[in-house]
Amino acid sequence: MTINYSIIFTAKITEAKFYNHFTMNMKSISRRKFLGASLALGGAAMVTQLPFTLQAVPAGKMYKLPLGFQVWTIREELLKDFPGTLKKMAGLGYETVEMCSPPGYGWTPLMKYSGREMLMVINDAGLTFESTHYGMAELRDHLDDRIAFAADSGQKQIILSSFGLPGNATMDDWKRAADELNEIGRKTKAAGIQTGFHNHHGEFEKMDGVLIYDELLRWLDPDLVKMQFQVAVVNIGFRAADYFNKYPGRFISAHLADWSFLQNRNVALGQGVVDWKEFFNAAGKGGLKNIFVEMDPATFEESARFYNQG
């Protein structure tokens, strides 16, 4: 796995300075005093790198999109009580949901729903239904059925969650998979549905000096396949905003996550190293239409509060 050490080093220093100097005193000082002290420590640049909850403009002000969530991390609760779990998430401040394909993921309790019926349950919970994750095998073998399901449920996106390539896959294997996804995208586009590709950390490995993710962006047709950026790769030094700015219009959505190097784990949005002001300032240029929080369920409430503040 390729790690961008320069970005990680800067993030670690910034986070360490913040916690070491201010965590114990935050309850007793005002925002103005806090920012003044921050400037004394490292100048205006440091302020822009602090956890965004402490900056003046809420993240949502930058590029307002309905806040969504991906169901993968709450799948056990979801399968036990589909309507109730959706209503709970709506109550936390979420407006839209991204599902995982019940047949593709083996989610038997949800297979009883037609596309239209699933849409009704989601809408009854106060949410909109924008997107679903699928595996490569089911798109390869059951594409017409999955297109019909998306159309029946009012969705305009089909997102490939992974190529499912083995660990010893070559760059040619990645390119062949990209070619196949281009053809899938051609068929979904004819039905009025956009195909997307979701990355994991594995796409940020290098082969022969070339980052796999960068090569995929070169190989995938920008019209037929849009990208869904996994913000969690910030923990290996890759920032979503850099890609949004470098590849305008190539992204349809993002999975939101934040990271603390001091705690070595995901934390709620605004409590880690992601510069959300930078992210949302670049989101429009990148082409984002949806955002979905995907982290430990314990982070969902505070993440929604952060995004919806102001």
Protein backbone atom coordinates (compact mmCIF):
# COMPACT_ATOMS: atom_id res chain seq x y z
CA MET A 1 0.00 0.00 0.00
CA THR A 2 1.36 3.43 -0.96
CA ILE A 3 1.47 5.93 1.89
CA ASN A 4 1.77 9.67 1.35
CA TYR A 5 4.03 10.36 4.31
CA SER A 6 4.36 14.12 3.81
CA ILE A 7 0.63 14.70 4.25
CA ILE A 8 0.43 12.29 7.18
CA PHE A 9 3.39 13.97 8.91
CA THR A 10 1.78 17.41 8.58
CA ALA A 11 -1.54 16.08 9.83
CA LYS A 12 0.06 14.37 12.83
CA ILE A 13 1.98 17.50 13.84
CA THR A 14 -1.11 19.65 13.51
CA GLU A 15 -3.30 17.26 15.47
CA ALA A 16 -0.67 16.84 18.19
CA LYS A 17 -0.25 20.59 18.59
CA PHE A 18 -3.99 21.03 18.85
CA TYR A 19 -4.53 18.36 21.48
CA ASN A 20 -1.41 19.07 23.50
CA HIS A 21 -2.04 22.79 23.84
CA PHE A 22 -5.79 23.14 23.92
CA THR A 23 -7.78 20.01 24.79
CA MET A 24 -7.53 20.60 28.54
CA ASN A 25 -8.54 24.25 28.28
CA MET A 26 -11.29 24.32 25.66
CA LYS A 27 -14.12 24.59 28.17
CA SER A 28 -12.68 27.71 29.75
CA ILE A 29 -11.69 29.82 26.73
CA SER A 30 -13.70 31.54 24.03
CA ARG A 31 -13.46 30.77 20.30
CA ARG A 32 -11.79 34.17 19.75
CA LYS A 33 -9.15 33.51 22.40
CA PHE A 34 -8.63 30.02 21.04
CA LEU A 35 -8.03 31.22 17.49
CA GLY A 36 -5.70 33.92 18.77
CA ALA A 37 -3.64 31.35 20.64
CA SER A 38 -3.60 29.12 17.56
CA LEU A 39 -2.20 31.93 15.46
CA ALA A 40 0.54 32.45 18.00
CA LEU A 41 1.48 28.79 17.73
CA GLY A 42 1.61 28.39 14.01
CA GLY A 43 0.05 31.21 12.05
CA ALA A 44 -3.12 31.29 9.98
CA ALA A 45 -2.12 28.11 8.14
CA MET A 46 -2.43 26.10 11.33
CA VAL A 47 -5.97 27.34 11.92
CA THR A 48 -7.07 26.03 8.53
CA GLN A 49 -5.74 22.58 9.42
CA LEU A 50 -7.43 22.25 12.80
CA PRO A 51 -10.45 19.96 13.19
CA PHE A 52 -13.12 21.85 11.31
CA THR A 53 -15.58 22.02 14.23
CA LEU A 54 -13.37 24.80 15.55
CA GLN A 55 -13.39 26.87 12.38
CA ALA A 56 -15.83 29.67 11.83
CA VAL A 57 -17.88 28.32 8.90
CA PRO A 58 -19.79 25.02 9.25
CA ALA A 59 -18.85 22.41 6.66
CA GLY A 60 -22.30 22.32 5.12
CA LYS A 61 -22.04 25.99 4.15
CA MET A 62 -19.37 25.16 1.61
CA TYR A 63 -21.35 22.98 -0.77
CA LYS A 64 -24.66 21.92 0.65
CA LEU A 65 -25.80 18.40 -0.17
CA PRO A 66 -28.32 16.22 1.66
CA LEU A 67 -26.46 14.24 4.30
CA GLY A 68 -26.59 10.51 3.63
CA PHE A 69 -25.29 7.30 5.16
CA GLN A 70 -24.09 3.96 3.84
CA VAL A 71 -25.80 0.99 5.51
CA TRP A 72 -22.83 -1.41 5.56
CA THR A 73 -21.63 -0.62 9.10
CA ILE A 74 -25.16 -0.89 10.54
CA ARG A 75 -26.13 -3.97 8.53
CA GLU A 76 -26.85 -6.19 11.56
CA GLU A 77 -29.31 -3.70 13.01
CA LEU A 78 -30.75 -3.00 9.57
CA LEU A 79 -31.47 -6.67 8.84
CA LYS A 80 -33.23 -7.08 12.18
CA ASP A 81 -35.44 -4.01 11.79
CA PHE A 82 -35.28 -2.39 8.37
CA PRO A 83 -37.97 0.30 8.83
CA GLY A 84 -36.99 1.06 12.42
CA THR A 85 -33.29 1.47 11.67
CA LEU A 86 -34.02 3.82 8.78
CA LYS A 87 -36.30 5.94 10.99
CA LYS A 88 -33.61 6.06 13.66
CA MET A 89 -31.07 7.37 11.15
CA ALA A 90 -33.51 9.97 9.86
CA GLY A 91 -34.02 11.07 13.45
CA LEU A 92 -30.29 11.70 13.78
CA GLY A 93 -30.44 14.17 10.90
CA TYR A 94 -29.75 12.02 7.84
CA GLU A 95 -31.74 12.67 4.69
CA THR A 96 -30.71 9.98 2.24
CA VAL A 97 -29.46 6.40 2.23
CA GLU A 98 -27.14 4.26 0.15
CA MET A 99 -28.00 0.56 0.27
CA CYS A 100 -26.10 -2.63 -0.47
CA SER A 101 -27.73 -5.02 -2.95
CA PRO A 102 -29.68 -7.60 -0.87
CA PRO A 103 -29.15 -10.51 -3.30
CA GLY A 104 -25.54 -9.58 -3.98
CA TYR A 105 -24.67 -9.30 -0.29
CA GLY A 106 -26.81 -12.24 0.81
CA TRP A 107 -29.15 -10.08 2.88
CA THR A 108 -32.03 -12.56 2.88
CA PRO A 109 -34.45 -10.56 5.10
CA LEU A 110 -34.49 -7.73 2.54
CA MET A 111 -34.86 -9.88 -0.58
CA LYS A 112 -38.64 -9.90 -0.14
CA TYR A 113 -38.83 -6.26 -1.20
CA SER A 114 -39.29 -5.24 -4.81
CA GLY A 115 -37.58 -2.03 -5.82
CA ARG A 116 -40.82 -0.11 -5.47
CA GLU A 117 -41.55 -1.62 -2.05
CA MET A 118 -38.06 -0.82 -0.76
CA LEU A 119 -38.46 2.75 -1.96
CA MET A 120 -41.74 3.05 -0.06
CA VAL A 121 -40.16 1.83 3.20
CA ILE A 122 -37.26 4.26 2.78
CA ASN A 123 -39.54 7.18 1.93
CA ASP A 124 -41.84 6.34 4.85
CA ALA A 125 -38.81 6.70 7.13
CA GLY A 126 -38.28 10.24 5.81
CA LEU A 127 -35.31 9.39 3.57
CA THR A 128 -34.57 9.45 -0.14
CA PHE A 129 -33.06 6.49 -2.00
CA GLU A 130 -30.14 7.58 -4.17
CA SER A 131 -27.71 4.74 -4.63
CA THR A 132 -26.85 1.05 -4.08
CA HIS A 133 -23.60 -0.90 -3.92
CA TYR A 134 -23.20 -4.03 -6.06
CA GLY A 135 -20.48 -6.62 -6.50
CA MET A 136 -18.80 -7.24 -9.84
CA ALA A 137 -20.16 -10.77 -10.18
CA GLU A 138 -23.79 -9.72 -9.91
CA LEU A 139 -23.34 -6.84 -12.35
CA ARG A 140 -21.64 -9.21 -14.75
CA ASP A 141 -24.26 -11.95 -14.43
CA HIS A 142 -27.47 -10.08 -13.55
CA LEU A 143 -27.08 -6.58 -14.94
CA ASP A 144 -30.51 -6.35 -16.58
CA ASP A 145 -32.18 -7.36 -13.32
CA ARG A 146 -30.14 -4.84 -11.30
CA ILE A 147 -30.94 -2.07 -13.77
CA ALA A 148 -34.62 -2.94 -13.45
CA PHE A 149 -34.37 -2.84 -9.64
CA ALA A 150 -32.69 0.57 -9.73
CA ALA A 151 -35.31 1.93 -12.11
CA ASP A 152 -38.17 0.44 -10.09
CA SER A 153 -36.86 2.09 -6.92
CA GLY A 154 -36.23 5.47 -8.54
CA GLN A 155 -32.44 5.32 -8.30
CA LYS A 156 -30.17 6.97 -10.83
CA GLN A 157 -26.90 5.35 -9.70
CA ILE A 158 -25.38 1.88 -9.66
CA ILE A 159 -22.10 1.77 -7.71
CA LEU A 160 -19.57 -1.03 -8.03
CA SER A 161 -18.19 -1.66 -4.56
CA SER A 162 -15.11 -3.58 -5.73
CA PHE A 163 -13.65 -5.36 -8.74
CA GLY A 164 -12.97 -8.31 -6.45
CA LEU A 165 -9.51 -8.87 -7.92
CA PRO A 166 -7.02 -11.16 -6.14
CA GLY A 167 -4.12 -9.72 -4.20
CA ASN A 168 -1.66 -10.72 -6.92
CA ALA A 169 -3.59 -8.94 -9.69
CA THR A 170 -1.43 -7.15 -12.26
CA MET A 171 -2.04 -3.71 -13.69
CA ASP A 172 -3.32 -5.41 -16.84
CA ASP A 173 -5.90 -7.20 -14.67
CA TRP A 174 -7.04 -3.84 -13.29
CA LYS A 175 -7.28 -2.44 -16.82
CA ARG A 176 -9.32 -5.38 -18.05
CA ALA A 177 -11.69 -4.93 -15.11
CA ALA A 178 -11.96 -1.23 -15.95
CA ASP A 179 -12.78 -2.08 -19.55
CA GLU A 180 -15.55 -4.39 -18.35
CA LEU A 181 -16.94 -1.69 -16.09
CA ASN A 182 -16.95 0.75 -19.00
CA GLU A 183 -19.20 -1.66 -20.89
CA ILE A 184 -21.47 -2.01 -17.86
CA GLY A 185 -21.59 1.78 -17.68
CA ARG A 186 -22.55 1.95 -21.34
CA LYS A 187 -25.55 -0.31 -20.69
CA THR A 188 -26.68 1.51 -17.54
CA LYS A 189 -26.37 4.87 -19.27
CA ALA A 190 -28.73 3.68 -22.01
CA ALA A 191 -31.25 3.03 -19.21
CA GLY A 192 -30.69 6.50 -17.71
CA ILE A 193 -28.59 5.24 -14.79
CA GLN A 194 -25.03 6.31 -13.96
CA THR A 195 -22.44 3.70 -13.07
CA GLY A 196 -19.90 4.55 -10.37
CA PHE A 197 -16.79 2.96 -8.87
CA HIS A 198 -16.02 2.87 -5.15
CA ASN A 199 -12.38 2.68 -4.07
CA HIS A 200 -10.74 1.04 -1.08
CA HIS A 201 -7.19 1.41 0.21
CA GLY A 202 -5.96 -1.21 -2.25
CA GLU A 203 -6.35 1.14 -5.21
CA PHE A 204 -3.74 3.39 -3.61
CA GLU A 205 -0.93 0.90 -4.07
CA LYS A 206 1.69 1.43 -6.76
CA MET A 207 2.60 -0.93 -9.55
CA ASP A 208 5.71 -0.14 -11.56
CA GLY A 209 5.74 3.31 -10.01
CA VAL A 210 2.13 4.07 -11.00
CA LEU A 211 -0.70 4.47 -8.51
CA ILE A 212 -3.51 2.06 -9.39
CA TYR A 213 -6.18 4.68 -8.66
CA ASP A 214 -4.59 7.19 -11.02
CA GLU A 215 -4.39 4.55 -13.74
CA LEU A 216 -8.07 3.69 -13.23
CA LEU A 217 -8.97 7.33 -13.67
CA ARG A 218 -7.08 7.26 -16.97
CA TRP A 219 -8.64 3.96 -18.09
CA LEU A 220 -12.27 4.41 -17.03
CA ASP A 221 -14.46 6.40 -19.40
CA PRO A 222 -15.26 9.70 -17.62
CA ASP A 223 -18.77 9.74 -19.05
CA LEU A 224 -19.68 6.10 -18.48
CA VAL A 225 -18.13 5.59 -15.02
CA LYS A 226 -17.98 8.22 -12.29
CA MET A 227 -15.99 7.75 -9.09
CA GLN A 228 -17.17 7.43 -5.51
CA PHE A 229 -14.29 8.60 -3.33
CA GLN A 230 -13.59 6.84 -0.03
CA VAL A 231 -12.39 9.67 2.21
CA ALA A 232 -11.01 7.12 4.71
CA VAL A 233 -7.80 6.91 2.65
CA VAL A 234 -6.76 10.10 4.44
CA ASN A 235 -5.14 7.75 6.98
CA ILE A 236 -2.55 6.80 4.34
CA GLY A 237 -2.12 10.39 3.20
CA PHE A 238 -4.51 10.88 0.28
CA ARG A 239 -6.97 13.78 0.34
CA ALA A 240 -10.26 13.79 -1.50
CA ALA A 241 -10.01 17.50 -2.29
CA ASP A 242 -6.77 16.96 -4.19
CA TYR A 243 -8.53 14.52 -6.50
CA PHE A 244 -11.65 16.68 -6.88
CA ASN A 245 -9.45 19.57 -8.02
CA LYS A 246 -7.22 17.47 -10.25
CA TYR A 247 -10.05 15.55 -11.95
CA PRO A 248 -13.03 17.94 -12.22
CA GLY A 249 -16.38 16.33 -12.94
CA ARG A 250 -15.13 12.77 -12.45
CA PHE A 251 -16.83 12.13 -9.09
CA ILE A 252 -20.47 11.43 -8.35
CA SER A 253 -20.34 10.83 -4.60
CA ALA A 254 -18.13 10.26 -1.57
CA HIS A 255 -18.08 8.15 1.55
CA LEU A 256 -17.32 10.48 4.44
CA ALA A 257 -15.01 9.50 7.27
CA ASP A 258 -12.58 11.26 9.59
CA TRP A 259 -9.41 10.02 11.23
CA SER A 260 -7.38 10.72 14.35
CA PHE A 261 -3.71 9.79 14.22
CA LEU A 262 -3.41 10.28 17.96
CA GLN A 263 -6.22 7.81 18.62
CA ASN A 264 -5.38 5.68 15.56
CA ARG A 265 -9.03 5.26 14.61
CA ASN A 266 -11.98 6.79 12.81
CA VAL A 267 -13.66 9.61 14.68
CA ALA A 268 -16.83 11.61 14.03
CA LEU A 269 -16.71 14.18 11.25
CA GLY A 270 -14.96 17.32 12.42
CA GLN A 271 -12.98 15.58 15.16
CA GLY A 272 -10.08 14.36 13.04
CA VAL A 273 -7.58 15.53 10.46
CA VAL A 274 -9.82 15.94 7.40
CA ASP A 275 -10.03 19.58 6.35
CA TRP A 276 -13.76 19.71 5.66
CA LYS A 277 -13.66 23.31 4.48
CA GLU A 278 -11.17 22.26 1.82
CA PHE A 279 -13.25 19.17 1.01
CA PHE A 280 -16.54 21.01 0.46
CA ASN A 281 -14.91 23.88 -1.40
CA ALA A 282 -13.63 21.32 -3.93
CA ALA A 283 -16.73 19.08 -3.97
CA GLY A 284 -18.58 21.08 -6.60
CA LYS A 285 -15.59 21.06 -8.93
CA GLY A 286 -15.30 17.32 -8.47
CA GLY A 287 -18.94 16.88 -9.46
CA LEU A 288 -20.30 15.41 -6.21
CA LYS A 289 -24.04 14.81 -6.10
CA ASN A 290 -24.21 12.69 -2.93
CA ILE A 291 -22.34 12.21 0.33
CA PHE A 292 -22.69 9.18 2.59
CA VAL A 293 -21.15 8.80 6.04
CA GLU A 294 -19.60 5.34 6.45
CA MET A 295 -17.91 4.70 9.78
CA ASP A 296 -18.45 3.00 13.11
CA PRO A 297 -22.12 3.45 14.12
CA ALA A 298 -21.00 5.30 17.26
CA THR A 299 -19.88 8.21 15.08
CA PHE A 300 -23.15 8.72 13.20
CA GLU A 301 -24.91 11.04 15.64
CA GLU A 302 -22.01 13.43 16.19
CA SER A 303 -21.16 13.40 12.48
CA ALA A 304 -24.72 14.46 11.60
CA ARG A 305 -24.64 17.16 14.26
CA PHE A 306 -21.38 18.50 12.86
CA TYR A 307 -22.60 18.60 9.28
CA ASN A 308 -25.99 20.08 10.08
CA GLN A 309 -24.74 22.79 12.43
CA GLY A 310 -25.46 26.39 11.49
